[in-house]
Amino acid sequence: MSQGLPGTDKLVGEDQFASRTWMEWLSWVHRVASAVTQSGTTAERPDSLLWIGRQYYDRTLNKPVYVAAVKPTVWRDAAGTIV
């Protein structure tokens, strides 16, 4: 998953607000950054914005897990056990 910078668009337009292109890019960065720090129960594990290696702290299991495969989604713990 990657998304490059919004090309040559100016960050701030004449109205002194961030351009739409930059706002969309910043929103994408925020979603990815938020995903990296997510936690919750096993039932609340995310099903979007998944990539191999993405971490999630599973409060049901009281340990971090990570995505080992995306389609189908496979979650593993640090020992490599499917959880």
PDB file of N, CA and C in Angstrom:
ATOM      1  N   MET A   1       0.845  -1.157   0.000  1.00  0.00           N
ATOM      2  CA  MET A   1       0.000   0.000   0.000  1.00  0.00           C
ATOM      3  C   MET A   1       0.896   1.226   0.000  1.00  0.00           C
ATOM      4  N   SER A   2       0.694   2.064  -0.961  1.00  0.00           N
ATOM      5  CA  SER A   2       1.454   3.302  -0.958  1.00  0.00           C
ATOM      6  C   SER A   2       0.645   4.382  -1.661  1.00  0.00           C
ATOM      7  N   GLN A   3       0.913   5.571  -1.288  1.00  0.00           N
ATOM      8  CA  GLN A   3       0.266   6.712  -1.915  1.00  0.00           C
ATOM      9  C   GLN A   3       1.279   7.834  -1.938  1.00  0.00           C
ATOM     10  N   GLY A   4       1.601   8.266  -3.131  1.00  0.00           N
ATOM     11  CA  GLY A   4       2.588   9.326  -3.273  1.00  0.00           C
ATOM     12  C   GLY A   4       2.043  10.689  -2.898  1.00  0.00           C
ATOM     13  N   LEU A   5       2.934  11.644  -2.822  1.00  0.00           N
ATOM     14  CA  LEU A   5       2.521  13.021  -2.555  1.00  0.00           C
ATOM     15  C   LEU A   5       1.627  13.523  -3.679  1.00  0.00           C
ATOM     16  N   PRO A   6       0.786  14.517  -3.396  1.00  0.00           N
ATOM     17  CA  PRO A   6      -0.158  15.009  -4.400  1.00  0.00           C
ATOM     18  C   PRO A   6       0.472  15.804  -5.538  1.00  0.00           C
ATOM     19  N   GLY A   7       1.504  15.351  -6.104  1.00  0.00           N
ATOM     20  CA  GLY A   7       2.089  15.974  -7.282  1.00  0.00           C
ATOM     21  C   GLY A   7       2.565  17.395  -7.057  1.00  0.00           C
ATOM     22  N   THR A   8       2.259  18.241  -8.018  1.00  0.00           N
ATOM     23  CA  THR A   8       2.748  19.618  -7.972  1.00  0.00           C
ATOM     24  C   THR A   8       1.694  20.593  -7.448  1.00  0.00           C
ATOM     25  N   ASP A   9       0.567  20.079  -6.947  1.00  0.00           N
ATOM     26  CA  ASP A   9      -0.460  20.963  -6.398  1.00  0.00           C
ATOM     27  C   ASP A   9       0.094  21.752  -5.224  1.00  0.00           C
ATOM     28  N   LYS A  10      -0.314  23.017  -5.149  1.00  0.00           N
ATOM     29  CA  LYS A  10       0.110  23.847  -4.020  1.00  0.00           C
ATOM     30  C   LYS A  10      -0.572  23.349  -2.758  1.00  0.00           C
ATOM     31  N   LEU A  11       0.157  23.410  -1.649  1.00  0.00           N
ATOM     32  CA  LEU A  11      -0.405  22.992  -0.373  1.00  0.00           C
ATOM     33  C   LEU A  11      -1.536  23.927   0.041  1.00  0.00           C
ATOM     34  N   VAL A  12      -1.317  25.228  -0.066  1.00  0.00           N
ATOM     35  CA  VAL A  12      -2.309  26.221   0.351  1.00  0.00           C
ATOM     36  C   VAL A  12      -2.771  26.995  -0.879  1.00  0.00           C
ATOM     37  N   GLY A  13      -4.090  27.096  -1.024  1.00  0.00           N
ATOM     38  CA  GLY A  13      -4.654  27.833  -2.149  1.00  0.00           C
ATOM     39  C   GLY A  13      -4.749  29.320  -1.843  1.00  0.00           C
ATOM     40  N   GLU A  14      -5.300  30.060  -2.797  1.00  0.00           N
ATOM     41  CA  GLU A  14      -5.449  31.504  -2.637  1.00  0.00           C
ATOM     42  C   GLU A  14      -6.363  31.861  -1.472  1.00  0.00           C
ATOM     43  N   ASP A  15      -7.256  30.957  -1.102  1.00  0.00           N
ATOM     44  CA  ASP A  15      -8.165  31.201   0.025  1.00  0.00           C
ATOM     45  C   ASP A  15      -7.504  30.939   1.382  1.00  0.00           C
ATOM     46  N   GLN A  16      -6.211  30.593   1.363  1.00  0.00           N
ATOM     47  CA  GLN A  16      -5.411  30.324   2.562  1.00  0.00           C
ATOM     48  C   GLN A  16      -5.791  29.016   3.272  1.00  0.00           C
ATOM     49  N   PHE A  17      -6.465  28.130   2.564  1.00  0.00           N
ATOM     50  CA  PHE A  17      -6.799  26.815   3.096  1.00  0.00           C
ATOM     51  C   PHE A  17      -6.046  25.759   2.286  1.00  0.00           C
ATOM     52  N   ALA A  18      -5.845  24.616   2.907  1.00  0.00           N
ATOM     53  CA  ALA A  18      -5.176  23.520   2.202  1.00  0.00           C
ATOM     54  C   ALA A  18      -6.007  23.111   0.994  1.00  0.00           C
ATOM     55  N   SER A  19      -5.332  22.792  -0.101  1.00  0.00           N
ATOM     56  CA  SER A  19      -6.040  22.379  -1.316  1.00  0.00           C
ATOM     57  C   SER A  19      -6.732  21.038  -1.091  1.00  0.00           C
ATOM     58  N   ARG A  20      -7.736  20.759  -1.902  1.00  0.00           N
ATOM     59  CA  ARG A  20      -8.491  19.511  -1.777  1.00  0.00           C
ATOM     60  C   ARG A  20      -7.574  18.298  -1.934  1.00  0.00           C
ATOM     61  N   THR A  21      -6.668  18.358  -2.884  1.00  0.00           N
ATOM     62  CA  THR A  21      -5.744  17.247  -3.120  1.00  0.00           C
ATOM     63  C   THR A  21      -4.916  16.962  -1.871  1.00  0.00           C
ATOM     64  N   TRP A  22      -4.378  18.007  -1.263  1.00  0.00           N
ATOM     65  CA  TRP A  22      -3.573  17.826  -0.056  1.00  0.00           C
ATOM     66  C   TRP A  22      -4.434  17.373   1.119  1.00  0.00           C
ATOM     67  N   MET A  23      -5.657  17.867   1.235  1.00  0.00           N
ATOM     68  CA  MET A  23      -6.534  17.437   2.333  1.00  0.00           C
ATOM     69  C   MET A  23      -6.851  15.945   2.212  1.00  0.00           C
ATOM     70  N   GLU A  24      -7.088  15.483   0.995  1.00  0.00           N
ATOM     71  CA  GLU A  24      -7.341  14.053   0.797  1.00  0.00           C
ATOM     72  C   GLU A  24      -6.111  13.234   1.161  1.00  0.00           C
ATOM     73  N   TRP A  25      -4.931  13.714   0.764  1.00  0.00           N
ATOM     74  CA  TRP A  25      -3.700  12.990   1.083  1.00  0.00           C
ATOM     75  C   TRP A  25      -3.462  12.974   2.590  1.00  0.00           C
ATOM     76  N   LEU A  26      -3.647  14.104   3.259  1.00  0.00           N
ATOM     77  CA  LEU A  26      -3.459  14.169   4.709  1.00  0.00           C
ATOM     78  C   LEU A  26      -4.469  13.282   5.434  1.00  0.00           C
ATOM     79  N   SER A  27      -5.677  13.222   4.920  1.00  0.00           N
ATOM     80  CA  SER A  27      -6.688  12.339   5.498  1.00  0.00           C
ATOM     81  C   SER A  27      -6.251  10.882   5.380  1.00  0.00           C
ATOM     82  N   TRP A  28      -5.691  10.509   4.212  1.00  0.00           N
ATOM     83  CA  TRP A  28      -5.194   9.148   4.022  1.00  0.00           C
ATOM     84  C   TRP A  28      -4.069   8.844   5.015  1.00  0.00           C
ATOM     85  N   VAL A  29      -3.140   9.776   5.189  1.00  0.00           N
ATOM     86  CA  VAL A  29      -2.030   9.598   6.139  1.00  0.00           C
ATOM     87  C   VAL A  29      -2.585   9.412   7.549  1.00  0.00           C
ATOM     88  N   HIS A  30      -3.579  10.200   7.904  1.00  0.00           N
ATOM     89  CA  HIS A  30      -4.187  10.083   9.243  1.00  0.00           C
ATOM     90  C   HIS A  30      -4.828   8.708   9.435  1.00  0.00           C
ATOM     91  N   ARG A  31      -5.553   8.209   8.430  1.00  0.00           N
ATOM     92  CA  ARG A  31      -6.183   6.882   8.547  1.00  0.00           C
ATOM     93  C   ARG A  31      -5.139   5.791   8.738  1.00  0.00           C
ATOM     94  N   VAL A  32      -4.040   5.866   7.993  1.00  0.00           N
ATOM     95  CA  VAL A  32      -2.985   4.855   8.113  1.00  0.00           C
ATOM     96  C   VAL A  32      -2.319   4.948   9.482  1.00  0.00           C
ATOM     97  N   ALA A  33      -2.005   6.168   9.933  1.00  0.00           N
ATOM     98  CA  ALA A  33      -1.373   6.352  11.244  1.00  0.00           C
ATOM     99  C   ALA A  33      -2.293   5.857  12.359  1.00  0.00           C
ATOM    100  N   SER A  34      -3.575   6.104  12.239  1.00  0.00           N
ATOM    101  CA  SER A  34      -4.531   5.632  13.244  1.00  0.00           C
ATOM    102  C   SER A  34      -4.609   4.111  13.241  1.00  0.00           C
ATOM    103  N   ALA A  35      -4.540   3.514  12.062  1.00  0.00           N
ATOM    104  CA  ALA A  35      -4.616   2.059  11.953  1.00  0.00           C
ATOM    105  C   ALA A  35      -3.447   1.386  12.661  1.00  0.00           C
ATOM    106  N   VAL A  36      -2.297   2.003  12.611  1.00  0.00           N
ATOM    107  CA  VAL A  36      -1.097   1.417  13.210  1.00  0.00           C
ATOM    108  C   VAL A  36      -1.224   1.324  14.723  1.00  0.00           C
ATOM    109  N   THR A  37      -2.005   2.193  15.323  1.00  0.00           N
ATOM    110  CA  THR A  37      -2.114   2.227  16.781  1.00  0.00           C
ATOM    111  C   THR A  37      -3.439   1.671  17.286  1.00  0.00           C
ATOM    112  N   GLN A  38      -4.189   0.964  16.461  1.00  0.00           N
ATOM    113  CA  GLN A  38      -5.491   0.451  16.866  1.00  0.00           C
ATOM    114  C   GLN A  38      -5.386  -0.686  17.858  1.00  0.00           C
ATOM    115  N   SER A  39      -6.415  -0.769  18.712  1.00  0.00           N
ATOM    116  CA  SER A  39      -6.547  -1.896  19.624  1.00  0.00           C
ATOM    117  C   SER A  39      -8.029  -2.123  19.869  1.00  0.00           C
ATOM    118  N   GLY A  40      -8.343  -3.298  20.363  1.00  0.00           N
ATOM    119  CA  GLY A  40      -9.723  -3.648  20.657  1.00  0.00           C
ATOM    120  C   GLY A  40      -9.842  -5.136  20.872  1.00  0.00           C
ATOM    121  N   THR A  41     -11.075  -5.600  20.912  1.00  0.00           N
ATOM    122  CA  THR A  41     -11.311  -7.028  21.119  1.00  0.00           C
ATOM    123  C   THR A  41     -11.065  -7.796  19.826  1.00  0.00           C
ATOM    124  N   THR A  42     -11.049  -9.108  19.939  1.00  0.00           N
ATOM    125  CA  THR A  42     -10.878  -9.945  18.757  1.00  0.00           C
ATOM    126  C   THR A  42     -11.979  -9.665  17.741  1.00  0.00           C
ATOM    127  N   ALA A  43     -13.212  -9.505  18.211  1.00  0.00           N
ATOM    128  CA  ALA A  43     -14.346  -9.250  17.313  1.00  0.00           C
ATOM    129  C   ALA A  43     -14.242  -7.899  16.613  1.00  0.00           C
ATOM    130  N   GLU A  44     -13.467  -6.978  17.168  1.00  0.00           N
ATOM    131  CA  GLU A  44     -13.341  -5.643  16.600  1.00  0.00           C
ATOM    132  C   GLU A  44     -12.137  -5.498  15.660  1.00  0.00           C
ATOM    133  N   ARG A  45     -11.455  -6.573  15.374  1.00  0.00           N
ATOM    134  CA  ARG A  45     -10.299  -6.473  14.477  1.00  0.00           C
ATOM    135  C   ARG A  45     -10.712  -5.832  13.161  1.00  0.00           C
ATOM    136  N   PRO A  46      -9.873  -4.973  12.628  1.00  0.00           N
ATOM    137  CA  PRO A  46     -10.237  -4.290  11.380  1.00  0.00           C
ATOM    138  C   PRO A  46     -10.322  -5.240  10.201  1.00  0.00           C
ATOM    139  N   ASP A  47     -11.135  -4.836   9.220  1.00  0.00           N
ATOM    140  CA  ASP A  47     -11.238  -5.618   7.992  1.00  0.00           C
ATOM    141  C   ASP A  47     -10.978  -4.753   6.763  1.00  0.00           C
ATOM    142  N   SER A  48     -10.496  -3.532   6.983  1.00  0.00           N
ATOM    143  CA  SER A  48     -10.110  -2.666   5.874  1.00  0.00           C
ATOM    144  C   SER A  48      -8.767  -2.029   6.209  1.00  0.00           C
ATOM    145  N   LEU A  49      -8.141  -1.431   5.220  1.00  0.00           N
ATOM    146  CA  LEU A  49      -6.788  -0.875   5.374  1.00  0.00           C
ATOM    147  C   LEU A  49      -5.826  -1.922   5.930  1.00  0.00           C
ATOM    148  N   LEU A  50      -5.898  -3.115   5.372  1.00  0.00           N
ATOM    149  CA  LEU A  50      -5.038  -4.212   5.829  1.00  0.00           C
ATOM    150  C   LEU A  50      -3.824  -4.341   4.923  1.00  0.00           C
ATOM    151  N   TRP A  51      -2.700  -4.653   5.527  1.00  0.00           N
ATOM    152  CA  TRP A  51      -1.484  -4.966   4.783  1.00  0.00           C
ATOM    153  C   TRP A  51      -0.683  -5.957   5.619  1.00  0.00           C
ATOM    154  N   ILE A  52       0.130  -6.752   4.967  1.00  0.00           N
ATOM    155  CA  ILE A  52       0.934  -7.750   5.676  1.00  0.00           C
ATOM    156  C   ILE A  52       1.866  -7.022   6.632  1.00  0.00           C
ATOM    157  N   GLY A  53       1.819  -7.416   7.882  1.00  0.00           N
ATOM    158  CA  GLY A  53       2.640  -6.800   8.915  1.00  0.00           C
ATOM    159  C   GLY A  53       1.885  -5.784   9.758  1.00  0.00           C
ATOM    160  N   ARG A  54       0.664  -5.439   9.350  1.00  0.00           N
ATOM    161  CA  ARG A  54      -0.107  -4.468  10.130  1.00  0.00           C
ATOM    162  C   ARG A  54      -0.393  -5.039  11.519  1.00  0.00           C
ATOM    163  N   GLN A  55      -0.123  -4.243  12.530  1.00  0.00           N
ATOM    164  CA  GLN A  55      -0.313  -4.696  13.908  1.00  0.00           C
ATOM    165  C   GLN A  55      -1.650  -4.227  14.474  1.00  0.00           C
ATOM    166  N   TYR A  56      -2.109  -4.956  15.471  1.00  0.00           N
ATOM    167  CA  TYR A  56      -3.342  -4.644  16.181  1.00  0.00           C
ATOM    168  C   TYR A  56      -3.176  -5.240  17.573  1.00  0.00           C
ATOM    169  N   TYR A  57      -3.468  -4.447  18.611  1.00  0.00           N
ATOM    170  CA  TYR A  57      -3.385  -5.006  19.958  1.00  0.00           C
ATOM    171  C   TYR A  57      -4.735  -5.619  20.307  1.00  0.00           C
ATOM    172  N   ASP A  58      -4.761  -6.934  20.445  1.00  0.00           N
ATOM    173  CA  ASP A  58      -5.990  -7.664  20.740  1.00  0.00           C
ATOM    174  C   ASP A  58      -6.175  -7.734  22.255  1.00  0.00           C
ATOM    175  N   ARG A  59      -7.150  -6.982  22.756  1.00  0.00           N
ATOM    176  CA  ARG A  59      -7.383  -6.934  24.210  1.00  0.00           C
ATOM    177  C   ARG A  59      -8.040  -8.207  24.723  1.00  0.00           C
ATOM    178  N   THR A  60      -8.693  -8.978  23.856  1.00  0.00           N
ATOM    179  CA  THR A  60      -9.243 -10.269  24.279  1.00  0.00           C
ATOM    180  C   THR A  60      -8.102 -11.228  24.607  1.00  0.00           C
ATOM    181  N   LEU A  61      -7.071 -11.224  23.766  1.00  0.00           N
ATOM    182  CA  LEU A  61      -5.919 -12.108  23.955  1.00  0.00           C
ATOM    183  C   LEU A  61      -4.829 -11.474  24.810  1.00  0.00           C
ATOM    184  N   ASN A  62      -4.929 -10.160  25.045  1.00  0.00           N
ATOM    185  CA  ASN A  62      -3.920  -9.387  25.782  1.00  0.00           C
ATOM    186  C   ASN A  62      -2.532  -9.496  25.163  1.00  0.00           C
ATOM    187  N   LYS A  63      -2.505  -9.372  23.828  1.00  0.00           N
ATOM    188  CA  LYS A  63      -1.214  -9.374  23.138  1.00  0.00           C
ATOM    189  C   LYS A  63      -1.385  -8.787  21.747  1.00  0.00           C
ATOM    190  N   PRO A  64      -0.279  -8.309  21.182  1.00  0.00           N
ATOM    191  CA  PRO A  64      -0.352  -7.794  19.819  1.00  0.00           C
ATOM    192  C   PRO A  64      -0.416  -8.935  18.816  1.00  0.00           C
ATOM    193  N   VAL A  65      -1.143  -8.695  17.737  1.00  0.00           N
ATOM    194  CA  VAL A  65      -1.215  -9.638  16.626  1.00  0.00           C
ATOM    195  C   VAL A  65      -0.915  -8.852  15.354  1.00  0.00           C
ATOM    196  N   TYR A  66      -0.626  -9.570  14.293  1.00  0.00           N
ATOM    197  CA  TYR A  66      -0.326  -8.880  13.040  1.00  0.00           C
ATOM    198  C   TYR A  66      -0.924  -9.654  11.869  1.00  0.00           C
ATOM    199  N   VAL A  67      -1.136  -8.964  10.765  1.00  0.00           N
ATOM    200  CA  VAL A  67      -1.695  -9.577   9.565  1.00  0.00           C
ATOM    201  C   VAL A  67      -0.580 -10.347   8.858  1.00  0.00           C
ATOM    202  N   ALA A  68      -0.804 -11.635   8.665  1.00  0.00           N
ATOM    203  CA  ALA A  68       0.161 -12.474   7.964  1.00  0.00           C
ATOM    204  C   ALA A  68      -0.246 -12.697   6.513  1.00  0.00           C
ATOM    205  N   ALA A  69      -1.536 -12.591   6.221  1.00  0.00           N
ATOM    206  CA  ALA A  69      -2.064 -12.715   4.864  1.00  0.00           C
ATOM    207  C   ALA A  69      -3.317 -11.851   4.775  1.00  0.00           C
ATOM    208  N   VAL A  70      -3.552 -11.287   3.591  1.00  0.00           N
ATOM    209  CA  VAL A  70      -4.673 -10.358   3.448  1.00  0.00           C
ATOM    210  C   VAL A  70      -5.927 -11.034   2.906  1.00  0.00           C
ATOM    211  N   LYS A  71      -5.812 -11.872   1.883  1.00  0.00           N
ATOM    212  CA  LYS A  71      -7.002 -12.522   1.302  1.00  0.00           C
ATOM    213  C   LYS A  71      -6.800 -14.017   1.270  1.00  0.00           C
ATOM    214  N   PRO A  72      -7.370 -14.795   2.158  1.00  0.00           N
ATOM    215  CA  PRO A  72      -8.178 -14.360   3.295  1.00  0.00           C
ATOM    216  C   PRO A  72      -7.282 -13.790   4.399  1.00  0.00           C
ATOM    217  N   THR A  73      -7.879 -12.998   5.254  1.00  0.00           N
ATOM    218  CA  THR A  73      -7.110 -12.361   6.329  1.00  0.00           C
ATOM    219  C   THR A  73      -6.695 -13.395   7.365  1.00  0.00           C
ATOM    220  N   VAL A  74      -5.396 -13.446   7.636  1.00  0.00           N
ATOM    221  CA  VAL A  74      -4.848 -14.344   8.643  1.00  0.00           C
ATOM    222  C   VAL A  74      -4.098 -13.496   9.653  1.00  0.00           C
ATOM    223  N   TRP A  75      -4.474 -13.614  10.919  1.00  0.00           N
ATOM    224  CA  TRP A  75      -3.805 -12.896  12.010  1.00  0.00           C
ATOM    225  C   TRP A  75      -2.926 -13.870  12.770  1.00  0.00           C
ATOM    226  N   ARG A  76      -1.718 -13.450  13.109  1.00  0.00           N
ATOM    227  CA  ARG A  76      -0.792 -14.274  13.889  1.00  0.00           C
ATOM    228  C   ARG A  76      -0.274 -13.470  15.072  1.00  0.00           C
ATOM    229  N   ASP A  77       0.200 -14.204  16.092  1.00  0.00           N
ATOM    230  CA  ASP A  77       0.854 -13.521  17.214  1.00  0.00           C
ATOM    231  C   ASP A  77       2.366 -13.546  16.986  1.00  0.00           C
ATOM    232  N   ALA A  78       3.120 -13.048  17.950  1.00  0.00           N
ATOM    233  CA  ALA A  78       4.575 -12.949  17.789  1.00  0.00           C
ATOM    234  C   ALA A  78       5.247 -14.311  17.628  1.00  0.00           C
ATOM    235  N   ALA A  79       4.638 -15.365  18.161  1.00  0.00           N
ATOM    236  CA  ALA A  79       5.191 -16.710  18.028  1.00  0.00           C
ATOM    237  C   ALA A  79       4.863 -17.332  16.669  1.00  0.00           C
ATOM    238  N   GLY A  80       4.027 -16.648  15.892  1.00  0.00           N
ATOM    239  CA  GLY A  80       3.650 -17.181  14.589  1.00  0.00           C
ATOM    240  C   GLY A  80       2.381 -18.007  14.604  1.00  0.00           C
ATOM    241  N   THR A  81       1.772 -18.127  15.777  1.00  0.00           N
ATOM    242  CA  THR A  81       0.547 -18.901  15.912  1.00  0.00           C
ATOM    243  C   THR A  81      -0.631 -18.142  15.305  1.00  0.00           C
ATOM    244  N   ILE A  82      -1.444 -18.824  14.526  1.00  0.00           N
ATOM    245  CA  ILE A  82      -2.651 -18.190  13.966  1.00  0.00           C
ATOM    246  C   ILE A  82      -3.631 -17.959  15.111  1.00  0.00           C
ATOM    247  N   VAL A  83      -4.103 -16.711  15.191  1.00  0.00           N
ATOM    248  CA  VAL A  83      -5.034 -16.352  16.278  1.00  0.00           C
ATOM    249  C   VAL A  83      -6.304 -15.772  15.718  1.00  0.00           C
TER     250      VAL A  83
END
